Protein backbone atom coordinates (compact mmCIF):
# COMPACT_ATOMS: atom_id res chain seq x y z
CA MET A 1 -8.38 52.22 33.74
CA PRO A 2 -7.27 55.14 31.43
CA LEU A 3 -7.15 53.79 27.86
CA VAL A 4 -3.83 54.97 27.47
CA HIS A 5 -2.89 52.24 30.37
CA VAL A 6 -4.45 49.67 28.20
CA LEU A 7 -2.47 50.83 25.47
CA LEU A 8 0.71 50.81 26.85
CA VAL A 9 0.10 47.25 28.19
CA LEU A 10 -0.68 46.17 25.06
CA ILE A 11 2.40 47.60 23.49
CA VAL A 12 4.78 46.36 26.10
CA VAL A 13 3.37 42.77 25.82
CA GLY A 14 3.65 42.60 22.18
CA VAL A 15 7.18 43.92 22.32
CA LEU A 16 8.15 41.11 24.87
CA LEU A 17 6.12 38.57 23.14
CA TRP A 18 8.24 39.54 19.77
CA LEU A 19 11.62 39.62 21.86
CA VAL A 20 10.83 36.23 22.84
CA ASN A 21 9.55 34.94 19.64
CA THR A 22 12.60 36.50 17.89
CA TYR A 23 15.44 36.04 20.07
CA ILE A 24 15.21 33.03 22.22
CA PRO A 25 15.31 29.65 20.20
CA MET A 26 12.57 27.17 20.79
CA ALA A 27 10.71 24.68 18.76
CA ALA A 28 7.72 26.03 16.66
CA SER A 29 5.29 24.14 18.48
CA ILE A 30 6.36 25.53 21.83
CA LYS A 31 6.24 28.88 20.12
CA SER A 32 2.71 28.33 19.08
CA ILE A 33 1.58 27.33 22.57
CA LEU A 34 3.18 30.62 24.20
CA ASN A 35 1.45 32.89 21.73
CA ALA A 36 -2.04 31.22 22.41
CA VAL A 37 -1.61 31.45 25.90
CA VAL A 38 -0.61 34.84 25.84
CA VAL A 39 -3.18 36.03 23.68
CA ILE A 40 -5.89 34.16 25.77
CA VAL A 41 -4.34 36.04 28.85
CA VAL A 42 -4.39 39.50 27.46
CA VAL A 43 -8.16 38.67 26.34
CA LEU A 44 -9.26 37.60 29.59
CA TRP A 45 -7.61 40.82 31.02
CA LEU A 46 -9.06 43.27 28.55
CA LEU A 47 -12.58 41.47 29.33
CA ASN A 48 -11.78 41.98 32.98
CA VAL A 49 -10.61 45.57 32.40
CA PHE A 50 -13.68 46.65 30.39
CA GLY A 51 -16.18 45.11 33.17
CA LEU A 52 -17.29 42.22 30.73
CA MET A 53 -15.93 39.63 32.43
CA GLU A 54 -18.39 40.13 35.26
CA ASN A 55 -21.41 39.85 32.87
CA LEU A 56 -20.16 36.72 31.19
CA THR A 57 -19.81 35.20 34.57
CA ARG A 58 -23.30 36.21 35.71
CA LEU A 59 -24.97 34.70 32.33
CA ARG A 60 -22.93 31.80 33.13
CA VAL A 61 -23.93 31.42 36.93
CA GLY A 62 -27.48 31.84 36.00
CA LYS A 63 -28.33 35.64 36.34
């Protein structure tokens, strides 16, 4: 996946998360959980895009 696409996805996800945090009223604890979930999903997606997820699963399974 080209780097431009990765950056575009990151920008879109960031703007959507900002919009949700700014304009949708919800408790602070729910916002924190939502932010954490989005960050974890984005990090896992980035690991997968750059091919590092295969290395991590290979290490965990036992080479």
